[in-house]
Amino acid sequence: MTAPIDLYYWPTPNGWKISIALEEMDLPYTPHLIDISAGDQFAPDFLTVPPNNKIPAITDPDGPDGTPIHIFESGAILQYLARKTGRFCGATERDRIAVDQWLMWQMGGLGPMAGQAHHFLKFAKKDVPYAKDRYRAEVARLYKVLDQQLSQHDYVAGPDYTIADMSIWGWASLWEGQQQTLDDKPDLARWLDLVGNRPAVKRGRALHADRRRDPTAR
């Protein structure tokens, strides 16, 4: 029997990427809660896994050549798990390029911008109208890009569900907390429902959902 993967996790969009992927790929895992509101991410023991003191991270006891490996950064974890299982990463080289492009789009664009929108719109101790307007507008632009892509494909990177969808869905599902609208984004709305109704997505999203301080925030 395959030894379970250790998942260092908190119920945020970045954490959901990996809990969803593990559920989708039928990989056994053991969750370890890292309470980022309590500063658990700075604990010395945790820093032996991700040097950048962020969740999520994993330890796979059955890593390359059968030896354990620590992996941090959610995009890198998704790529590793997809290669490990041969699933959700594209069937051809052209497909894999499309998946990687949209995964990087999320990592470098939607995730950081939506995260900043959540911060300034909901949690900043000072009201900073410029920051609110800037990040709200950039998230809106990114969602229009995504809606346009989804008007041509069932899923983000093409006809098949992949790690690109897993990476984006959690952030996009919180559009209300980012003060966005779906009224002019019908294909984004369609895709949110399509992905959100997958049983593995529901299970991954529900993992310790009771620990979230705000259901619309990261």
C-alpha atoms as a PDB file:
ATOM      1  CA  MET A   1       0.000   0.000   0.000  1.00  0.00           C
ATOM      2  CA  THR A   2       1.267   3.478  -0.906  1.00  0.00           C
ATOM      3  CA  ALA A   3       2.271   5.521   2.146  1.00  0.00           C
ATOM      4  CA  PRO A   4       0.109   8.644   2.541  1.00  0.00           C
ATOM      5  CA  ILE A   5       1.427  12.017   1.461  1.00  0.00           C
ATOM      6  CA  ASP A   6       1.740  14.556   4.280  1.00  0.00           C
ATOM      7  CA  LEU A   7      -0.214  17.693   3.339  1.00  0.00           C
ATOM      8  CA  TYR A   8       0.621  20.878   5.239  1.00  0.00           C
ATOM      9  CA  TYR A   9      -2.548  22.837   4.815  1.00  0.00           C
ATOM     10  CA  TRP A  10      -4.931  25.588   5.762  1.00  0.00           C
ATOM     11  CA  PRO A  11      -8.348  26.034   4.083  1.00  0.00           C
ATOM     12  CA  THR A  12      -7.421  28.793   1.623  1.00  0.00           C
ATOM     13  CA  PRO A  13      -7.527  28.847  -2.189  1.00  0.00           C
ATOM     14  CA  ASN A  14      -3.880  27.805  -2.295  1.00  0.00           C
ATOM     15  CA  GLY A  15      -4.506  24.998   0.156  1.00  0.00           C
ATOM     16  CA  TRP A  16      -7.554  23.836  -1.791  1.00  0.00           C
ATOM     17  CA  LYS A  17      -5.490  23.376  -4.940  1.00  0.00           C
ATOM     18  CA  ILE A  18      -3.646  20.495  -3.327  1.00  0.00           C
ATOM     19  CA  SER A  19      -6.457  18.944  -1.303  1.00  0.00           C
ATOM     20  CA  ILE A  20      -8.539  18.918  -4.493  1.00  0.00           C
ATOM     21  CA  ALA A  21      -5.685  17.445  -6.538  1.00  0.00           C
ATOM     22  CA  LEU A  22      -5.050  14.690  -4.006  1.00  0.00           C
ATOM     23  CA  GLU A  23      -8.746  13.839  -4.004  1.00  0.00           C
ATOM     24  CA  GLU A  24      -8.959  13.903  -7.803  1.00  0.00           C
ATOM     25  CA  MET A  25      -5.878  11.697  -8.165  1.00  0.00           C
ATOM     26  CA  ASP A  26      -7.023   9.196  -5.517  1.00  0.00           C
ATOM     27  CA  LEU A  27      -3.791   9.642  -3.577  1.00  0.00           C
ATOM     28  CA  PRO A  28      -3.865   8.854   0.151  1.00  0.00           C
ATOM     29  CA  TYR A  29      -2.842  11.798   2.303  1.00  0.00           C
ATOM     30  CA  THR A  30      -2.664  12.975   5.884  1.00  0.00           C
ATOM     31  CA  PRO A  31      -3.537  16.644   6.465  1.00  0.00           C
ATOM     32  CA  HIS A  32      -1.531  18.680   8.967  1.00  0.00           C
ATOM     33  CA  LEU A  33      -3.199  21.982   9.846  1.00  0.00           C
ATOM     34  CA  ILE A  34      -0.929  25.014   9.726  1.00  0.00           C
ATOM     35  CA  ASP A  35      -2.919  27.845  11.273  1.00  0.00           C
ATOM     36  CA  ILE A  36      -1.622  30.857   9.367  1.00  0.00           C
ATOM     37  CA  SER A  37      -3.639  33.231  11.555  1.00  0.00           C
ATOM     38  CA  ALA A  38      -1.771  31.920  14.615  1.00  0.00           C
ATOM     39  CA  GLY A  39       1.674  32.024  12.987  1.00  0.00           C
ATOM     40  CA  ASP A  40       2.134  28.256  12.706  1.00  0.00           C
ATOM     41  CA  GLN A  41       3.894  28.808   9.373  1.00  0.00           C
ATOM     42  CA  PHE A  42       6.879  30.258  11.220  1.00  0.00           C
ATOM     43  CA  ALA A  43       7.432  27.229  13.457  1.00  0.00           C
ATOM     44  CA  PRO A  44      10.964  25.822  13.018  1.00  0.00           C
ATOM     45  CA  ASP A  45       9.689  22.292  12.399  1.00  0.00           C
ATOM     46  CA  PHE A  46       7.438  23.483   9.590  1.00  0.00           C
ATOM     47  CA  LEU A  47      10.258  25.437   7.953  1.00  0.00           C
ATOM     48  CA  THR A  48      12.137  22.198   7.304  1.00  0.00           C
ATOM     49  CA  VAL A  49       9.489  21.502   4.640  1.00  0.00           C
ATOM     50  CA  PRO A  50       8.861  24.888   2.914  1.00  0.00           C
ATOM     51  CA  PRO A  51      11.710  27.386   3.392  1.00  0.00           C
ATOM     52  CA  ASN A  52       9.381  30.208   2.324  1.00  0.00           C
ATOM     53  CA  ASN A  53       7.043  29.602   5.315  1.00  0.00           C
ATOM     54  CA  LYS A  54       3.905  29.380   3.206  1.00  0.00           C
ATOM     55  CA  ILE A  55       1.192  26.762   2.790  1.00  0.00           C
ATOM     56  CA  PRO A  56       0.585  24.456   1.081  1.00  0.00           C
ATOM     57  CA  ALA A  57       3.504  22.061   1.155  1.00  0.00           C
ATOM     58  CA  ILE A  58       3.777  18.303   0.974  1.00  0.00           C
ATOM     59  CA  THR A  59       6.102  15.522   1.967  1.00  0.00           C
ATOM     60  CA  ASP A  60       5.860  12.499  -0.276  1.00  0.00           C
ATOM     61  CA  PRO A  61       7.496   9.477   1.401  1.00  0.00           C
ATOM     62  CA  ASP A  62       7.515   7.764  -1.994  1.00  0.00           C
ATOM     63  CA  GLY A  63       9.300  10.461  -3.954  1.00  0.00           C
ATOM     64  CA  PRO A  64      11.657  10.128  -6.915  1.00  0.00           C
ATOM     65  CA  ASP A  65      13.660   6.890  -6.809  1.00  0.00           C
ATOM     66  CA  GLY A  66      11.513   5.828  -3.862  1.00  0.00           C
ATOM     67  CA  THR A  67      13.035   8.341  -1.455  1.00  0.00           C
ATOM     68  CA  PRO A  68      11.087  11.020   0.447  1.00  0.00           C
ATOM     69  CA  ILE A  69      10.807  14.542  -0.922  1.00  0.00           C
ATOM     70  CA  HIS A  70       9.540  17.867   0.436  1.00  0.00           C
ATOM     71  CA  ILE A  71       7.815  20.158  -2.074  1.00  0.00           C
ATOM     72  CA  PHE A  72       6.580  23.710  -1.641  1.00  0.00           C
ATOM     73  CA  GLU A  73       4.816  26.201  -3.962  1.00  0.00           C
ATOM     74  CA  SER A  74       1.348  25.079  -4.990  1.00  0.00           C
ATOM     75  CA  GLY A  75       2.048  25.155  -8.733  1.00  0.00           C
ATOM     76  CA  ALA A  76       5.131  22.985  -8.341  1.00  0.00           C
ATOM     77  CA  ILE A  77       3.174  20.556  -6.163  1.00  0.00           C
ATOM     78  CA  LEU A  78       0.427  20.288  -8.784  1.00  0.00           C
ATOM     79  CA  GLN A  79       2.948  19.607 -11.538  1.00  0.00           C
ATOM     80  CA  TYR A  80       4.694  16.999  -9.393  1.00  0.00           C
ATOM     81  CA  LEU A  81       1.467  15.180  -8.535  1.00  0.00           C
ATOM     82  CA  ALA A  82       0.314  15.259 -12.155  1.00  0.00           C
ATOM     83  CA  ARG A  83       3.618  13.755 -13.322  1.00  0.00           C
ATOM     84  CA  LYS A  84       3.564  11.221 -10.504  1.00  0.00           C
ATOM     85  CA  THR A  85       0.142   9.940 -11.496  1.00  0.00           C
ATOM     86  CA  GLY A  86       0.197  10.745 -15.210  1.00  0.00           C
ATOM     87  CA  ARG A  87      -3.171  12.471 -14.805  1.00  0.00           C
ATOM     88  CA  PHE A  88      -4.640  15.927 -15.409  1.00  0.00           C
ATOM     89  CA  CYS A  89      -1.559  17.353 -17.120  1.00  0.00           C
ATOM     90  CA  GLY A  90      -2.444  17.007 -20.820  1.00  0.00           C
ATOM     91  CA  ALA A  91      -2.161  14.061 -23.174  1.00  0.00           C
ATOM     92  CA  THR A  92       0.227  15.629 -25.709  1.00  0.00           C
ATOM     93  CA  GLU A  93       3.093  18.093 -25.550  1.00  0.00           C
ATOM     94  CA  ARG A  94       0.843  20.789 -27.018  1.00  0.00           C
ATOM     95  CA  ASP A  95      -1.763  20.028 -24.348  1.00  0.00           C
ATOM     96  CA  ARG A  96       0.864  20.163 -21.604  1.00  0.00           C
ATOM     97  CA  ILE A  97       2.057  23.565 -22.815  1.00  0.00           C
ATOM     98  CA  ALA A  98      -1.504  24.892 -22.607  1.00  0.00           C
ATOM     99  CA  VAL A  99      -1.893  23.528 -19.081  1.00  0.00           C
ATOM    100  CA  ASP A 100       1.425  25.033 -17.965  1.00  0.00           C
ATOM    101  CA  GLN A 101       0.540  28.426 -19.445  1.00  0.00           C
ATOM    102  CA  TRP A 102      -2.707  28.688 -17.505  1.00  0.00           C
ATOM    103  CA  LEU A 103      -1.132  27.310 -14.348  1.00  0.00           C
ATOM    104  CA  MET A 104       1.516  30.049 -14.545  1.00  0.00           C
ATOM    105  CA  TRP A 105      -1.225  32.604 -15.297  1.00  0.00           C
ATOM    106  CA  GLN A 106      -2.836  31.700 -12.006  1.00  0.00           C
ATOM    107  CA  MET A 107       0.404  31.619 -10.048  1.00  0.00           C
ATOM    108  CA  GLY A 108       1.725  34.921 -11.376  1.00  0.00           C
ATOM    109  CA  GLY A 109      -1.532  36.794 -11.960  1.00  0.00           C
ATOM    110  CA  LEU A 110      -4.862  35.742 -10.535  1.00  0.00           C
ATOM    111  CA  GLY A 111      -3.622  34.405  -7.190  1.00  0.00           C
ATOM    112  CA  PRO A 112      -1.501  37.424  -6.209  1.00  0.00           C
ATOM    113  CA  MET A 113      -3.979  39.988  -7.534  1.00  0.00           C
ATOM    114  CA  ALA A 114      -7.029  38.344  -5.940  1.00  0.00           C
ATOM    115  CA  GLY A 115      -5.091  37.952  -2.701  1.00  0.00           C
ATOM    116  CA  GLN A 116      -4.293  41.662  -2.665  1.00  0.00           C
ATOM    117  CA  ALA A 117      -7.916  42.473  -3.475  1.00  0.00           C
ATOM    118  CA  HIS A 118      -9.072  40.410  -0.489  1.00  0.00           C
ATOM    119  CA  HIS A 119      -6.539  42.124   1.755  1.00  0.00           C
ATOM    120  CA  PHE A 120      -7.338  45.710   0.871  1.00  0.00           C
ATOM    121  CA  LEU A 121     -11.094  45.243   0.451  1.00  0.00           C
ATOM    122  CA  LYS A 122     -11.676  43.211   3.626  1.00  0.00           C
ATOM    123  CA  PHE A 123      -8.773  43.147   6.068  1.00  0.00           C
ATOM    124  CA  ALA A 124      -6.470  46.174   5.739  1.00  0.00           C
ATOM    125  CA  LYS A 125      -6.373  48.237   8.924  1.00  0.00           C
ATOM    126  CA  LYS A 126      -6.330  51.445   6.897  1.00  0.00           C
ATOM    127  CA  ASP A 127      -8.646  52.387   4.056  1.00  0.00           C
ATOM    128  CA  VAL A 128      -6.534  52.730   0.910  1.00  0.00           C
ATOM    129  CA  PRO A 129      -8.882  53.627  -1.983  1.00  0.00           C
ATOM    130  CA  TYR A 130      -6.108  53.544  -4.580  1.00  0.00           C
ATOM    131  CA  ALA A 131      -5.157  49.968  -3.646  1.00  0.00           C
ATOM    132  CA  LYS A 132      -8.788  48.870  -3.555  1.00  0.00           C
ATOM    133  CA  ASP A 133      -9.439  50.280  -7.015  1.00  0.00           C
ATOM    134  CA  ARG A 134      -6.197  48.937  -8.458  1.00  0.00           C
ATOM    135  CA  TYR A 135      -6.622  45.320  -7.362  1.00  0.00           C
ATOM    136  CA  ARG A 136     -10.368  45.180  -7.909  1.00  0.00           C
ATOM    137  CA  ALA A 137      -9.866  46.422 -11.477  1.00  0.00           C
ATOM    138  CA  GLU A 138      -7.009  44.014 -12.202  1.00  0.00           C
ATOM    139  CA  VAL A 139      -8.983  41.038 -10.931  1.00  0.00           C
ATOM    140  CA  ALA A 140     -11.877  42.125 -13.153  1.00  0.00           C
ATOM    141  CA  ARG A 141      -9.534  42.246 -16.139  1.00  0.00           C
ATOM    142  CA  LEU A 142      -8.182  38.784 -15.373  1.00  0.00           C
ATOM    143  CA  TYR A 143     -11.672  37.336 -15.073  1.00  0.00           C
ATOM    144  CA  LYS A 144     -12.562  38.769 -18.475  1.00  0.00           C
ATOM    145  CA  VAL A 145      -9.475  37.027 -19.894  1.00  0.00           C
ATOM    146  CA  LEU A 146     -10.603  33.794 -18.252  1.00  0.00           C
ATOM    147  CA  ASP A 147     -14.187  34.177 -19.450  1.00  0.00           C
ATOM    148  CA  GLN A 148     -12.971  34.696 -23.015  1.00  0.00           C
ATOM    149  CA  GLN A 149     -10.839  31.553 -22.818  1.00  0.00           C
ATOM    150  CA  LEU A 150     -13.762  29.577 -21.421  1.00  0.00           C
ATOM    151  CA  SER A 151     -16.031  30.801 -24.216  1.00  0.00           C
ATOM    152  CA  GLN A 152     -13.899  28.653 -26.538  1.00  0.00           C
ATOM    153  CA  HIS A 153     -13.265  25.612 -24.329  1.00  0.00           C
ATOM    154  CA  ASP A 154     -15.095  23.526 -21.750  1.00  0.00           C
ATOM    155  CA  TYR A 155     -12.165  23.836 -19.359  1.00  0.00           C
ATOM    156  CA  VAL A 156      -9.404  26.375 -18.923  1.00  0.00           C
ATOM    157  CA  ALA A 157      -6.676  24.686 -20.968  1.00  0.00           C
ATOM    158  CA  GLY A 158      -8.910  22.975 -23.517  1.00  0.00           C
ATOM    159  CA  PRO A 159     -11.515  20.205 -23.654  1.00  0.00           C
ATOM    160  CA  ASP A 160     -10.166  18.305 -20.628  1.00  0.00           C
ATOM    161  CA  TYR A 161     -10.163  19.040 -16.905  1.00  0.00           C
ATOM    162  CA  THR A 162      -6.580  19.547 -15.648  1.00  0.00           C
ATOM    163  CA  ILE A 163      -4.444  20.938 -12.866  1.00  0.00           C
ATOM    164  CA  ALA A 164      -4.954  24.353 -14.469  1.00  0.00           C
ATOM    165  CA  ASP A 165      -8.616  24.197 -13.466  1.00  0.00           C
ATOM    166  CA  MET A 166      -7.689  22.981  -9.990  1.00  0.00           C
ATOM    167  CA  SER A 167      -5.317  25.909  -9.517  1.00  0.00           C
ATOM    168  CA  ILE A 168      -7.774  28.587 -10.641  1.00  0.00           C
ATOM    169  CA  TRP A 169     -11.099  27.382  -9.284  1.00  0.00           C
ATOM    170  CA  GLY A 170     -10.508  28.131  -5.595  1.00  0.00           C
ATOM    171  CA  TRP A 171      -9.582  31.748  -6.224  1.00  0.00           C
ATOM    172  CA  ALA A 172     -12.330  32.312  -8.782  1.00  0.00           C
ATOM    173  CA  SER A 173     -14.943  30.747  -6.483  1.00  0.00           C
ATOM    174  CA  LEU A 174     -14.406  33.706  -4.120  1.00  0.00           C
ATOM    175  CA  TRP A 175     -15.348  36.333  -6.724  1.00  0.00           C
ATOM    176  CA  GLU A 176     -17.884  37.956  -4.413  1.00  0.00           C
ATOM    177  CA  GLY A 177     -15.254  38.749  -1.786  1.00  0.00           C
ATOM    178  CA  GLN A 178     -13.174  40.344  -4.539  1.00  0.00           C
ATOM    179  CA  GLN A 179     -16.171  42.597  -5.376  1.00  0.00           C
ATOM    180  CA  GLN A 180     -16.602  41.130  -8.846  1.00  0.00           C
ATOM    181  CA  THR A 181     -19.637  40.262 -10.943  1.00  0.00           C
ATOM    182  CA  LEU A 182     -20.441  37.291 -13.129  1.00  0.00           C
ATOM    183  CA  ASP A 183     -23.278  39.050 -14.949  1.00  0.00           C
ATOM    184  CA  ASP A 184     -21.026  39.771 -17.947  1.00  0.00           C
ATOM    185  CA  LYS A 185     -19.023  36.535 -17.654  1.00  0.00           C
ATOM    186  CA  PRO A 186     -21.403  33.696 -18.515  1.00  0.00           C
ATOM    187  CA  ASP A 187     -18.723  31.174 -19.378  1.00  0.00           C
ATOM    188  CA  LEU A 188     -16.839  31.788 -16.158  1.00  0.00           C
ATOM    189  CA  ALA A 189     -20.097  31.231 -14.270  1.00  0.00           C
ATOM    190  CA  ARG A 190     -20.715  28.012 -16.210  1.00  0.00           C
ATOM    191  CA  TRP A 191     -17.215  26.736 -15.482  1.00  0.00           C
ATOM    192  CA  LEU A 192     -17.414  27.593 -11.773  1.00  0.00           C
ATOM    193  CA  ASP A 193     -20.499  25.399 -11.474  1.00  0.00           C
ATOM    194  CA  LEU A 194     -19.049  22.644 -13.671  1.00  0.00           C
ATOM    195  CA  VAL A 195     -15.878  22.321 -11.615  1.00  0.00           C
ATOM    196  CA  GLY A 196     -17.518  23.046  -8.281  1.00  0.00           C
ATOM    197  CA  ASN A 197     -19.912  20.135  -8.718  1.00  0.00           C
ATOM    198  CA  ARG A 198     -17.165  17.551  -9.125  1.00  0.00           C
ATOM    199  CA  PRO A 199     -17.231  15.203  -6.087  1.00  0.00           C
ATOM    200  CA  ALA A 200     -13.466  15.431  -5.537  1.00  0.00           C
ATOM    201  CA  VAL A 201     -13.605  19.234  -5.655  1.00  0.00           C
ATOM    202  CA  LYS A 202     -16.351  19.223  -3.059  1.00  0.00           C
ATOM    203  CA  ARG A 203     -14.295  16.945  -0.813  1.00  0.00           C
ATOM    204  CA  GLY A 204     -11.109  18.958  -1.227  1.00  0.00           C
ATOM    205  CA  ARG A 205     -12.918  22.241  -0.638  1.00  0.00           C
ATOM    206  CA  ALA A 206     -14.631  20.863   2.481  1.00  0.00           C
ATOM    207  CA  LEU A 207     -11.374  19.812   4.179  1.00  0.00           C
ATOM    208  CA  HIS A 208     -11.435  21.639   7.531  1.00  0.00           C
ATOM    209  CA  ALA A 209     -13.731  24.292   6.040  1.00  0.00           C
ATOM    210  CA  ASP A 210     -14.961  25.025   9.564  1.00  0.00           C
ATOM    211  CA  ARG A 211     -11.608  26.683  10.309  1.00  0.00           C
ATOM    212  CA  ARG A 212     -12.088  29.485   7.788  1.00  0.00           C
ATOM    213  CA  ARG A 213     -12.530  32.890   9.394  1.00  0.00           C
ATOM    214  CA  ASP A 214     -14.394  34.331   6.390  1.00  0.00           C
ATOM    215  CA  PRO A 215     -15.975  32.125   3.703  1.00  0.00           C
ATOM    216  CA  THR A 216     -15.439  34.805   1.019  1.00  0.00           C
ATOM    217  CA  ALA A 217     -11.785  35.468   1.809  1.00  0.00           C
ATOM    218  CA  ARG A 218      -8.532  33.723   1.112  1.00  0.00           C
END
